[in-house]
Amino acid sequence: FGAGLYIHIAEHIIENGYALPETIPGYTAEGVPFAYPPLMFYV
């Protein structure tokens, strides 16, 4: 199965200085809102 989006979110958390990103790019032209519960993305 897939976890590409989840890993992509984790990478953007790192790029964002561990602050919550608002949007995750790459998935559709506009990207997708980051509204997932964040715990495991930080892990």
PDB file of all heavy atoms in Angstrom:
ATOM      1  N   PHE A   1       0.831  -1.204   0.000  1.00  0.00           N
ATOM      2  CA  PHE A   1       0.000   0.000   0.000  1.00  0.00           C
ATOM      3  C   PHE A   1       0.872   1.263   0.000  1.00  0.00           C
ATOM      4  O   PHE A   1       2.034   1.223  -0.403  1.00  0.00           O
ATOM      5  CB  PHE A   1      -0.995   0.003   1.156  1.00  0.00           C
ATOM      6  CG  PHE A   1      -2.008  -1.108   1.074  1.00  0.00           C
ATOM      7  CD1 PHE A   1      -2.086  -2.075   2.061  1.00  0.00           C
ATOM      8  CD2 PHE A   1      -2.887  -1.196   0.006  1.00  0.00           C
ATOM      9  CE1 PHE A   1      -3.014  -3.097   1.984  1.00  0.00           C
ATOM     10  CE2 PHE A   1      -3.818  -2.215  -0.081  1.00  0.00           C
ATOM     11  CZ  PHE A   1      -3.886  -3.169   0.912  1.00  0.00           C
ATOM     12  N   GLY A   2       0.314   2.374   0.440  1.00  0.00           N
ATOM     13  CA  GLY A   2       1.039   3.630   0.304  1.00  0.00           C
ATOM     14  C   GLY A   2       1.154   4.401   1.602  1.00  0.00           C
ATOM     15  O   GLY A   2       0.251   4.378   2.438  1.00  0.00           O
ATOM     16  N   ALA A   3       2.282   5.066   1.753  1.00  0.00           N
ATOM     17  CA  ALA A   3       2.476   6.022   2.842  1.00  0.00           C
ATOM     18  C   ALA A   3       3.251   7.226   2.327  1.00  0.00           C
ATOM     19  O   ALA A   3       3.846   7.957   3.099  1.00  0.00           O
ATOM     20  CB  ALA A   3       3.206   5.366   4.009  1.00  0.00           C
ATOM     21  N   GLY A   4       3.237   7.395   1.006  1.00  0.00           N
ATOM     22  CA  GLY A   4       3.973   8.505   0.421  1.00  0.00           C
ATOM     23  C   GLY A   4       3.512   9.849   0.929  1.00  0.00           C
ATOM     24  O   GLY A   4       4.325  10.720   1.249  1.00  0.00           O
ATOM     25  N   LEU A   5       2.187  10.035   1.022  1.00  0.00           N
ATOM     26  CA  LEU A   5       1.653  11.292   1.537  1.00  0.00           C
ATOM     27  C   LEU A   5       2.092  11.503   2.981  1.00  0.00           C
ATOM     28  O   LEU A   5       2.475  12.621   3.368  1.00  0.00           O
ATOM     29  CB  LEU A   5       0.127  11.302   1.429  1.00  0.00           C
ATOM     30  CG  LEU A   5      -0.599  12.490   2.067  1.00  0.00           C
ATOM     31  CD1 LEU A   5      -0.139  13.812   1.465  1.00  0.00           C
ATOM     32  CD2 LEU A   5      -2.112  12.341   1.938  1.00  0.00           C
ATOM     33  N   TYR A   6       2.048  10.455   3.785  1.00  0.00           N
ATOM     34  CA  TYR A   6       2.427  10.577   5.196  1.00  0.00           C
ATOM     35  C   TYR A   6       3.903  10.977   5.340  1.00  0.00           C
ATOM     36  O   TYR A   6       4.253  11.845   6.146  1.00  0.00           O
ATOM     37  CB  TYR A   6       2.174   9.260   5.926  1.00  0.00           C
ATOM     38  CG  TYR A   6       0.719   8.848   6.001  1.00  0.00           C
ATOM     39  CD1 TYR A   6       0.362   7.547   6.347  1.00  0.00           C
ATOM     40  CD2 TYR A   6      -0.305   9.754   5.729  1.00  0.00           C
ATOM     41  CE1 TYR A   6      -0.975   7.163   6.428  1.00  0.00           C
ATOM     42  CE2 TYR A   6      -1.639   9.384   5.795  1.00  0.00           C
ATOM     43  CZ  TYR A   6      -1.966   8.082   6.145  1.00  0.00           C
ATOM     44  OH  TYR A   6      -3.278   7.711   6.226  1.00  0.00           O
ATOM     45  N   ILE A   7       4.768  10.329   4.556  1.00  0.00           N
ATOM     46  CA  ILE A   7       6.192  10.670   4.616  1.00  0.00           C
ATOM     47  C   ILE A   7       6.417  12.086   4.079  1.00  0.00           C
ATOM     48  O   ILE A   7       7.244  12.840   4.615  1.00  0.00           O
ATOM     49  CB  ILE A   7       7.012   9.648   3.813  1.00  0.00           C
ATOM     50  CG1 ILE A   7       6.875   8.247   4.414  1.00  0.00           C
ATOM     51  CG2 ILE A   7       8.482  10.070   3.760  1.00  0.00           C
ATOM     52  CD1 ILE A   7       7.452   8.092   5.798  1.00  0.00           C
ATOM     53  N   HIS A   8       5.664  12.448   3.043  1.00  0.00           N
ATOM     54  CA  HIS A   8       5.769  13.800   2.466  1.00  0.00           C
ATOM     55  C   HIS A   8       5.389  14.850   3.513  1.00  0.00           C
ATOM     56  O   HIS A   8       6.033  15.903   3.614  1.00  0.00           O
ATOM     57  CB  HIS A   8       4.856  13.893   1.248  1.00  0.00           C
ATOM     58  CG  HIS A   8       5.240  14.935   0.256  1.00  0.00           C
ATOM     59  ND1 HIS A   8       6.540  15.158  -0.143  1.00  0.00           N
ATOM     60  CD2 HIS A   8       4.480  15.838  -0.428  1.00  0.00           C
ATOM     61  CE1 HIS A   8       6.564  16.136  -1.033  1.00  0.00           C
ATOM     62  NE2 HIS A   8       5.338  16.569  -1.219  1.00  0.00           N
ATOM     63  N   ILE A   9       4.362  14.546   4.300  1.00  0.00           N
ATOM     64  CA  ILE A   9       3.962  15.450   5.382  1.00  0.00           C
ATOM     65  C   ILE A   9       5.098  15.580   6.397  1.00  0.00           C
ATOM     66  O   ILE A   9       5.438  16.691   6.836  1.00  0.00           O
ATOM     67  CB  ILE A   9       2.679  14.939   6.064  1.00  0.00           C
ATOM     68  CG1 ILE A   9       1.478  15.066   5.121  1.00  0.00           C
ATOM     69  CG2 ILE A   9       2.413  15.703   7.366  1.00  0.00           C
ATOM     70  CD1 ILE A   9       0.218  14.390   5.633  1.00  0.00           C
ATOM     71  N   ALA A  10       5.701  14.449   6.778  1.00  0.00           N
ATOM     72  CA  ALA A  10       6.805  14.474   7.745  1.00  0.00           C
ATOM     73  C   ALA A  10       7.965  15.309   7.218  1.00  0.00           C
ATOM     74  O   ALA A  10       8.585  16.076   7.969  1.00  0.00           O
ATOM     75  CB  ALA A  10       7.259  13.052   8.043  1.00  0.00           C
ATOM     76  N   GLU A  11       8.254  15.186   5.927  1.00  0.00           N
ATOM     77  CA  GLU A  11       9.338  15.977   5.342  1.00  0.00           C
ATOM     78  C   GLU A  11       9.034  17.467   5.379  1.00  0.00           C
ATOM     79  O   GLU A  11       9.928  18.294   5.632  1.00  0.00           O
ATOM     80  CB  GLU A  11       9.583  15.522   3.895  1.00  0.00           C
ATOM     81  CG  GLU A  11      10.166  14.125   3.799  1.00  0.00           C
ATOM     82  CD  GLU A  11      10.188  13.582   2.394  1.00  0.00           C
ATOM     83  OE1 GLU A  11       9.406  14.074   1.545  1.00  0.00           O
ATOM     84  OE2 GLU A  11      10.985  12.660   2.120  1.00  0.00           O
ATOM     85  N   HIS A  12       7.780  17.832   5.159  1.00  0.00           N
ATOM     86  CA  HIS A  12       7.414  19.254   5.208  1.00  0.00           C
ATOM     87  C   HIS A  12       7.402  19.781   6.644  1.00  0.00           C
ATOM     88  O   HIS A  12       7.634  20.974   6.860  1.00  0.00           O
ATOM     89  CB  HIS A  12       6.067  19.476   4.517  1.00  0.00           C
ATOM     90  CG  HIS A  12       6.185  19.562   3.030  1.00  0.00           C
ATOM     91  ND1 HIS A  12       6.475  20.733   2.371  1.00  0.00           N
ATOM     92  CD2 HIS A  12       6.087  18.616   2.076  1.00  0.00           C
ATOM     93  CE1 HIS A  12       6.541  20.506   1.075  1.00  0.00           C
ATOM     94  NE2 HIS A  12       6.308  19.227   0.862  1.00  0.00           N
ATOM     95  N   ILE A  13       7.122  18.922   7.605  1.00  0.00           N
ATOM     96  CA  ILE A  13       7.236  19.328   9.009  1.00  0.00           C
ATOM     97  C   ILE A  13       8.695  19.680   9.321  1.00  0.00           C
ATOM     98  O   ILE A  13       8.972  20.682   9.986  1.00  0.00           O
ATOM     99  CB  ILE A  13       6.716  18.204   9.929  1.00  0.00           C
ATOM    100  CG1 ILE A  13       5.183  18.126   9.849  1.00  0.00           C
ATOM    101  CG2 ILE A  13       7.161  18.434  11.374  1.00  0.00           C
ATOM    102  CD1 ILE A  13       4.580  16.958  10.609  1.00  0.00           C
ATOM    103  N   ILE A  14       9.622  18.857   8.838  1.00  0.00           N
ATOM    104  CA  ILE A  14      11.046  19.144   9.039  1.00  0.00           C
ATOM    105  C   ILE A  14      11.415  20.467   8.364  1.00  0.00           C
ATOM    106  O   ILE A  14      12.074  21.330   8.963  1.00  0.00           O
ATOM    107  CB  ILE A  14      11.908  17.995   8.482  1.00  0.00           C
ATOM    108  CG1 ILE A  14      11.633  16.696   9.245  1.00  0.00           C
ATOM    109  CG2 ILE A  14      13.394  18.357   8.564  1.00  0.00           C
ATOM    110  CD1 ILE A  14      12.280  15.470   8.626  1.00  0.00           C
ATOM    111  N   GLU A  15      10.990  20.630   7.104  1.00  0.00           N
ATOM    112  CA  GLU A  15      11.301  21.860   6.364  1.00  0.00           C
ATOM    113  C   GLU A  15      10.691  23.093   7.021  1.00  0.00           C
ATOM    114  O   GLU A  15      11.230  24.200   6.909  1.00  0.00           O
ATOM    115  CB  GLU A  15      10.792  21.745   4.928  1.00  0.00           C
ATOM    116  CG  GLU A  15      11.522  20.702   4.092  1.00  0.00           C
ATOM    117  CD  GLU A  15      10.876  20.516   2.728  1.00  0.00           C
ATOM    118  OE1 GLU A  15       9.956  21.306   2.395  1.00  0.00           O
ATOM    119  OE2 GLU A  15      11.275  19.583   2.005  1.00  0.00           O
ATOM    120  N   ASN A  16       9.584  22.893   7.720  1.00  0.00           N
ATOM    121  CA  ASN A  16       8.873  23.996   8.361  1.00  0.00           C
ATOM    122  C   ASN A  16       9.368  24.250   9.781  1.00  0.00           C
ATOM    123  O   ASN A  16       8.716  24.932  10.567  1.00  0.00           O
ATOM    124  CB  ASN A  16       7.373  23.696   8.367  1.00  0.00           C
ATOM    125  CG  ASN A  16       6.517  24.947   8.339  1.00  0.00           C
ATOM    126  OD1 ASN A  16       6.900  25.958   7.748  1.00  0.00           O
ATOM    127  ND2 ASN A  16       5.362  24.887   8.983  1.00  0.00           N
ATOM    128  N   GLY A  17      10.530  23.699  10.132  1.00  0.00           N
ATOM    129  CA  GLY A  17      11.064  23.896  11.465  1.00  0.00           C
ATOM    130  C   GLY A  17      10.223  23.257  12.547  1.00  0.00           C
ATOM    131  O   GLY A  17      10.167  23.747  13.677  1.00  0.00           O
ATOM    132  N   TYR A  18       9.554  22.144  12.216  1.00  0.00           N
ATOM    133  CA  TYR A  18       8.689  21.387  13.125  1.00  0.00           C
ATOM    134  C   TYR A  18       7.433  22.153  13.528  1.00  0.00           C
ATOM    135  O   TYR A  18       6.764  21.792  14.497  1.00  0.00           O
ATOM    136  CB  TYR A  18       9.457  20.899  14.356  1.00  0.00           C
ATOM    137  CG  TYR A  18      10.346  19.718  14.031  1.00  0.00           C
ATOM    138  CD1 TYR A  18      11.634  19.906  13.542  1.00  0.00           C
ATOM    139  CD2 TYR A  18       9.882  18.420  14.182  1.00  0.00           C
ATOM    140  CE1 TYR A  18      12.449  18.826  13.223  1.00  0.00           C
ATOM    141  CE2 TYR A  18      10.690  17.332  13.869  1.00  0.00           C
ATOM    142  CZ  TYR A  18      11.969  17.544  13.391  1.00  0.00           C
ATOM    143  OH  TYR A  18      12.768  16.468  13.061  1.00  0.00           O
ATOM    144  N   ALA A  19       7.108  23.190  12.779  1.00  0.00           N
ATOM    145  CA  ALA A  19       5.798  23.835  12.930  1.00  0.00           C
ATOM    146  C   ALA A  19       4.813  23.143  11.996  1.00  0.00           C
ATOM    147  O   ALA A  19       5.207  22.550  10.981  1.00  0.00           O
ATOM    148  CB  ALA A  19       5.900  25.321  12.598  1.00  0.00           C
ATOM    149  N   LEU A  20       3.523  23.209  12.340  1.00  0.00           N
ATOM    150  CA  LEU A  20       2.513  22.563  11.508  1.00  0.00           C
ATOM    151  C   LEU A  20       2.415  23.263  10.155  1.00  0.00           C
ATOM    152  O   LEU A  20       2.159  24.469  10.096  1.00  0.00           O
ATOM    153  CB  LEU A  20       1.149  22.608  12.193  1.00  0.00           C
ATOM    154  CG  LEU A  20       0.922  21.680  13.390  1.00  0.00           C
ATOM    155  CD1 LEU A  20      -0.401  22.010  14.057  1.00  0.00           C
ATOM    156  CD2 LEU A  20       0.937  20.227  12.958  1.00  0.00           C
ATOM    157  N   PRO A  21       2.606  22.542   9.044  1.00  0.00           N
ATOM    158  CA  PRO A  21       2.378  23.156   7.728  1.00  0.00           C
ATOM    159  C   PRO A  21       0.876  23.323   7.477  1.00  0.00           C
ATOM    160  O   PRO A  21       0.072  22.580   8.034  1.00  0.00           O
ATOM    161  CB  PRO A  21       2.997  22.153   6.764  1.00  0.00           C
ATOM    162  CG  PRO A  21       2.947  20.848   7.478  1.00  0.00           C
ATOM    163  CD  PRO A  21       3.067  21.151   8.948  1.00  0.00           C
ATOM    164  N   GLU A  22       0.516  24.289   6.657  1.00  0.00           N
ATOM    165  CA  GLU A  22      -0.898  24.504   6.355  1.00  0.00           C
ATOM    166  C   GLU A  22      -1.362  23.655   5.179  1.00  0.00           C
ATOM    167  O   GLU A  22      -2.485  23.164   5.153  1.00  0.00           O
ATOM    168  CB  GLU A  22      -1.165  25.985   6.060  1.00  0.00           C
ATOM    169  CG  GLU A  22      -1.033  26.880   7.285  1.00  0.00           C
ATOM    170  CD  GLU A  22      -1.481  28.306   6.997  1.00  0.00           C
ATOM    171  OE1 GLU A  22      -2.032  28.556   5.907  1.00  0.00           O
ATOM    172  OE2 GLU A  22      -1.271  29.166   7.868  1.00  0.00           O
ATOM    173  N   THR A  23      -0.475  23.503   4.178  1.00  0.00           N
ATOM    174  CA  THR A  23      -0.829  22.782   2.954  1.00  0.00           C
ATOM    175  C   THR A  23       0.311  21.859   2.566  1.00  0.00           C
ATOM    176  O   THR A  23       1.481  22.199   2.741  1.00  0.00           O
ATOM    177  CB  THR A  23      -1.120  23.765   1.812  1.00  0.00           C
ATOM    178  OG1 THR A  23      -2.150  24.663   2.209  1.00  0.00           O
ATOM    179  CG2 THR A  23      -1.576  23.030   0.554  1.00  0.00           C
ATOM    180  N   ILE A  24      -0.027  20.699   2.026  1.00  0.00           N
ATOM    181  CA  ILE A  24       0.970  19.752   1.545  1.00  0.00           C
ATOM    182  C   ILE A  24       0.915  19.758   0.018  1.00  0.00           C
ATOM    183  O   ILE A  24      -0.102  19.377  -0.574  1.00  0.00           O
ATOM    184  CB  ILE A  24       0.698  18.335   2.082  1.00  0.00           C
ATOM    185  CG1 ILE A  24       0.611  18.365   3.618  1.00  0.00           C
ATOM    186  CG2 ILE A  24       1.779  17.370   1.614  1.00  0.00           C
ATOM    187  CD1 ILE A  24       1.850  18.882   4.300  1.00  0.00           C
ATOM    188  N   PRO A  25       1.982  20.186  -0.648  1.00  0.00           N
ATOM    189  CA  PRO A  25       1.962  20.287  -2.106  1.00  0.00           C
ATOM    190  C   PRO A  25       2.152  18.930  -2.764  1.00  0.00           C
ATOM    191  O   PRO A  25       2.527  17.943  -2.131  1.00  0.00           O
ATOM    192  CB  PRO A  25       3.156  21.208  -2.390  1.00  0.00           C
ATOM    193  CG  PRO A  25       4.104  20.930  -1.275  1.00  0.00           C
ATOM    194  CD  PRO A  25       3.256  20.639  -0.064  1.00  0.00           C
ATOM    195  N   GLY A  26       1.899  18.904  -4.076  1.00  0.00           N
ATOM    196  CA  GLY A  26       2.174  17.721  -4.872  1.00  0.00           C
ATOM    197  C   GLY A  26       0.965  16.873  -5.175  1.00  0.00           C
ATOM    198  O   GLY A  26       0.898  16.218  -6.214  1.00  0.00           O
ATOM    199  N   TYR A  27      -0.006  16.849  -4.269  1.00  0.00           N
ATOM    200  CA  TYR A  27      -1.217  16.055  -4.458  1.00  0.00           C
ATOM    201  C   TYR A  27      -2.325  16.978  -4.939  1.00  0.00           C
ATOM    202  O   TYR A  27      -2.947  17.685  -4.134  1.00  0.00           O
ATOM    203  CB  TYR A  27      -1.588  15.342  -3.153  1.00  0.00           C
ATOM    204  CG  TYR A  27      -0.566  14.298  -2.752  1.00  0.00           C
ATOM    205  CD1 TYR A  27       0.590  14.656  -2.065  1.00  0.00           C
ATOM    206  CD2 TYR A  27      -0.740  12.964  -3.095  1.00  0.00           C
ATOM    207  CE1 TYR A  27       1.551  13.708  -1.717  1.00  0.00           C
ATOM    208  CE2 TYR A  27       0.214  11.999  -2.751  1.00  0.00           C
ATOM    209  CZ  TYR A  27       1.354  12.385  -2.064  1.00  0.00           C
ATOM    210  OH  TYR A  27       2.300  11.433  -1.723  1.00  0.00           O
ATOM    211  N   THR A  28      -2.551  16.998  -6.246  1.00  0.00           N
ATOM    212  CA  THR A  28      -3.372  17.945  -7.011  1.00  0.00           C
ATOM    213  C   THR A  28      -2.632  19.278  -7.140  1.00  0.00           C
ATOM    214  O   THR A  28      -1.684  19.561  -6.383  1.00  0.00           O
ATOM    215  CB  THR A  28      -4.779  18.177  -6.417  1.00  0.00           C
ATOM    216  OG1 THR A  28      -4.676  19.006  -5.256  1.00  0.00           O
ATOM    217  CG2 THR A  28      -5.472  16.881  -6.082  1.00  0.00           C
ATOM    218  N   ALA A  29      -3.070  20.062  -8.096  1.00  0.00           N
ATOM    219  CA  ALA A  29      -2.379  21.318  -8.405  1.00  0.00           C
ATOM    220  C   ALA A  29      -2.356  22.270  -7.221  1.00  0.00           C
ATOM    221  O   ALA A  29      -1.386  23.016  -7.025  1.00  0.00           O
ATOM    222  CB  ALA A  29      -3.036  21.982  -9.610  1.00  0.00           C
ATOM    223  N   GLU A  30      -3.412  22.269  -6.412  1.00  0.00           N
ATOM    224  CA  GLU A  30      -3.493  23.184  -5.279  1.00  0.00           C
ATOM    225  C   GLU A  30      -2.908  22.605  -4.001  1.00  0.00           C
ATOM    226  O   GLU A  30      -2.822  23.297  -2.981  1.00  0.00           O
ATOM    227  CB  GLU A  30      -4.961  23.574  -5.012  1.00  0.00           C
ATOM    228  CG  GLU A  30      -5.674  24.236  -6.182  1.00  0.00           C
ATOM    229  CD  GLU A  30      -6.191  23.227  -7.189  1.00  0.00           C
ATOM    230  OE1 GLU A  30      -6.341  22.037  -6.815  1.00  0.00           O
ATOM    231  OE2 GLU A  30      -6.421  23.614  -8.350  1.00  0.00           O
ATOM    232  N   GLY A  31      -2.511  21.326  -4.021  1.00  0.00           N
ATOM    233  CA  GLY A  31      -2.099  20.677  -2.792  1.00  0.00           C
ATOM    234  C   GLY A  31      -3.299  20.314  -1.945  1.00  0.00           C
ATOM    235  O   GLY A  31      -4.457  20.530  -2.333  1.00  0.00           O
ATOM    236  N   VAL A  32      -3.045  19.771  -0.765  1.00  0.00           N
ATOM    237  CA  VAL A  32      -4.139  19.366   0.124  1.00  0.00           C
ATOM    238  C   VAL A  32      -3.943  20.006   1.488  1.00  0.00           C
ATOM    239  O   VAL A  32      -2.808  20.226   1.930  1.00  0.00           O
ATOM    240  CB  VAL A  32      -4.217  17.830   0.259  1.00  0.00           C
ATOM    241  CG1 VAL A  32      -4.598  17.199  -1.065  1.00  0.00           C
ATOM    242  CG2 VAL A  32      -2.906  17.245   0.758  1.00  0.00           C
ATOM    243  N   PRO A  33      -5.050  20.324   2.176  1.00  0.00           N
ATOM    244  CA  PRO A  33      -4.916  20.909   3.525  1.00  0.00           C
ATOM    245  C   PRO A  33      -4.273  19.910   4.480  1.00  0.00           C
ATOM    246  O   PRO A  33      -4.541  18.706   4.411  1.00  0.00           O
ATOM    247  CB  PRO A  33      -6.370  21.200   3.926  1.00  0.00           C
ATOM    248  CG  PRO A  33      -7.171  21.116   2.674  1.00  0.00           C
ATOM    249  CD  PRO A  33      -6.453  20.169   1.776  1.00  0.00           C
ATOM    250  N   PHE A  34      -3.434  20.419   5.370  1.00  0.00           N
ATOM    251  CA  PHE A  34      -2.904  19.540   6.412  1.00  0.00           C
ATOM    252  C   PHE A  34      -3.816  19.634   7.625  1.00  0.00           C
ATOM    253  O   PHE A  34      -3.704  20.541   8.443  1.00  0.00           O
ATOM    254  CB  PHE A  34      -1.477  19.912   6.793  1.00  0.00           C
ATOM    255  CG  PHE A  34      -0.930  19.028   7.896  1.00  0.00           C
ATOM    256  CD1 PHE A  34      -0.909  17.653   7.731  1.00  0.00           C
ATOM    257  CD2 PHE A  34      -0.466  19.554   9.080  1.00  0.00           C
ATOM    258  CE1 PHE A  34      -0.426  16.816   8.728  1.00  0.00           C
ATOM    259  CE2 PHE A  34       0.027  18.730  10.083  1.00  0.00           C
ATOM    260  CZ  PHE A  34       0.048  17.364   9.907  1.00  0.00           C
ATOM    261  N   ALA A  35      -4.747  18.686   7.708  1.00  0.00           N
ATOM    262  CA  ALA A  35      -5.666  18.637   8.834  1.00  0.00           C
ATOM    263  C   ALA A  35      -5.608  17.291   9.541  1.00  0.00           C
ATOM    264  O   ALA A  35      -6.406  17.027  10.443  1.00  0.00           O
ATOM    265  CB  ALA A  35      -7.097  18.905   8.350  1.00  0.00           C
ATOM    266  N   TYR A  36      -4.677  16.441   9.126  1.00  0.00           N
ATOM    267  CA  TYR A  36      -4.521  15.146   9.780  1.00  0.00           C
ATOM    268  C   TYR A  36      -4.066  15.310  11.229  1.00  0.00           C
ATOM    269  O   TYR A  36      -3.297  16.224  11.541  1.00  0.00           O
ATOM    270  CB  TYR A  36      -3.462  14.308   9.060  1.00  0.00           C
ATOM    271  CG  TYR A  36      -3.865  13.756   7.720  1.00  0.00           C
ATOM    272  CD1 TYR A  36      -3.459  14.371   6.539  1.00  0.00           C
ATOM    273  CD2 TYR A  36      -4.644  12.605   7.623  1.00  0.00           C
ATOM    274  CE1 TYR A  36      -3.811  13.854   5.299  1.00  0.00           C
ATOM    275  CE2 TYR A  36      -5.003  12.082   6.400  1.00  0.00           C
ATOM    276  CZ  TYR A  36      -4.579  12.708   5.242  1.00  0.00           C
ATOM    277  OH  TYR A  36      -4.937  12.195   4.014  1.00  0.00           O
ATOM    278  N   PRO A  37      -4.506  14.418  12.119  1.00  0.00           N
ATOM    279  CA  PRO A  37      -3.894  14.395  13.456  1.00  0.00           C
ATOM    280  C   PRO A  37      -2.383  14.200  13.308  1.00  0.00           C
ATOM    281  O   PRO A  37      -1.932  13.311  12.576  1.00  0.00           O
ATOM    282  CB  PRO A  37      -4.566  13.184  14.118  1.00  0.00           C
ATOM    283  CG  PRO A  37      -5.881  13.051  13.413  1.00  0.00           C
ATOM    284  CD  PRO A  37      -5.607  13.443  11.993  1.00  0.00           C
ATOM    285  N   PRO A  38      -1.570  14.996  13.987  1.00  0.00           N
ATOM    286  CA  PRO A  38      -0.158  15.114  13.595  1.00  0.00           C
ATOM    287  C   PRO A  38       0.840  14.202  14.304  1.00  0.00           C
ATOM    288  O   PRO A  38       2.010  14.189  13.923  1.00  0.00           O
ATOM    289  CB  PRO A  38       0.141  16.570  13.968  1.00  0.00           C
ATOM    290  CG  PRO A  38      -0.706  16.821  15.179  1.00  0.00           C
ATOM    291  CD  PRO A  38      -1.973  16.023  14.975  1.00  0.00           C
ATOM    292  N   LEU A  39       0.434  13.448  15.334  1.00  0.00           N
ATOM    293  CA  LEU A  39       1.410  12.797  16.196  1.00  0.00           C
ATOM    294  C   LEU A  39       2.410  11.934  15.428  1.00  0.00           C
ATOM    295  O   LEU A  39       3.627  12.089  15.549  1.00  0.00           O
ATOM    296  CB  LEU A  39       0.701  11.952  17.261  1.00  0.00           C
ATOM    297  CG  LEU A  39       1.623  11.146  18.190  1.00  0.00           C
ATOM    298  CD1 LEU A  39       2.543  12.067  18.988  1.00  0.00           C
ATOM    299  CD2 LEU A  39       0.802  10.257  19.120  1.00  0.00           C
ATOM    300  N   MET A  40       1.908  10.988  14.626  1.00  0.00           N
ATOM    301  CA  MET A  40       2.802  10.050  13.969  1.00  0.00           C
ATOM    302  C   MET A  40       3.592  10.686  12.834  1.00  0.00           C
ATOM    303  O   MET A  40       4.644  10.163  12.439  1.00  0.00           O
ATOM    304  CB  MET A  40       2.032   8.828  13.481  1.00  0.00           C
ATOM    305  CG  MET A  40       1.515   7.951  14.619  1.00  0.00           C
ATOM    306  SD  MET A  40       2.756   7.544  15.897  1.00  0.00           S
ATOM    307  CE  MET A  40       3.977   6.662  14.945  1.00  0.00           C
ATOM    308  N   PHE A  41       3.117  11.809  12.321  1.00  0.00           N
ATOM    309  CA  PHE A  41       3.912  12.527  11.324  1.00  0.00           C
ATOM    310  C   PHE A  41       5.133  13.165  11.989  1.00  0.00           C
ATOM    311  O   PHE A  41       6.217  13.228  11.391  1.00  0.00           O
ATOM    312  CB  PHE A  41       3.070  13.580  10.624  1.00  0.00           C
ATOM    313  CG  PHE A  41       1.840  13.012   9.962  1.00  0.00           C
ATOM    314  CD1 PHE A  41       0.585  13.502  10.244  1.00  0.00           C
ATOM    315  CD2 PHE A  41       1.949  11.958   9.062  1.00  0.00           C
ATOM    316  CE1 PHE A  41      -0.544  12.973   9.641  1.00  0.00           C
ATOM    317  CE2 PHE A  41       0.832  11.406   8.452  1.00  0.00           C
ATOM    318  CZ  PHE A  41      -0.419  11.919   8.746  1.00  0.00           C
ATOM    319  N   TYR A  42       4.955  13.615  13.232  1.00  0.00           N
ATOM    320  CA  TYR A  42       6.108  14.138  13.971  1.00  0.00           C
ATOM    321  C   TYR A  42       7.069  13.021  14.346  1.00  0.00           C
ATOM    322  O   TYR A  42       8.291  13.190  14.302  1.00  0.00           O
ATOM    323  CB  TYR A  42       5.636  14.892  15.215  1.00  0.00           C
ATOM    324  CG  TYR A  42       5.281  16.328  14.920  1.00  0.00           C
ATOM    325  CD1 TYR A  42       3.985  16.683  14.551  1.00  0.00           C
ATOM    326  CD2 TYR A  42       6.239  17.337  14.988  1.00  0.00           C
ATOM    327  CE1 TYR A  42       3.654  17.997  14.255  1.00  0.00           C
ATOM    328  CE2 TYR A  42       5.929  18.656  14.699  1.00  0.00           C
ATOM    329  CZ  TYR A  42       4.630  18.981  14.332  1.00  0.00           C
ATOM    330  OH  TYR A  42       4.322  20.277  14.034  1.00  0.00           O
ATOM    331  N   VAL A  43       6.536  11.858  14.703  1.00  0.00           N
ATOM    332  CA  VAL A  43       7.400  10.710  14.985  1.00  0.00           C
ATOM    333  C   VAL A  43       8.185  10.334  13.724  1.00  0.00           C
ATOM    334  O   VAL A  43       9.402  10.104  13.776  1.00  0.00           O
ATOM    335  CB  VAL A  43       6.574   9.510  15.480  1.00  0.00           C
ATOM    336  CG1 VAL A  43       7.436   8.250  15.574  1.00  0.00           C
ATOM    337  CG2 VAL A  43       5.940   9.822  16.834  1.00  0.00           C
TER     338      VAL A  43
END
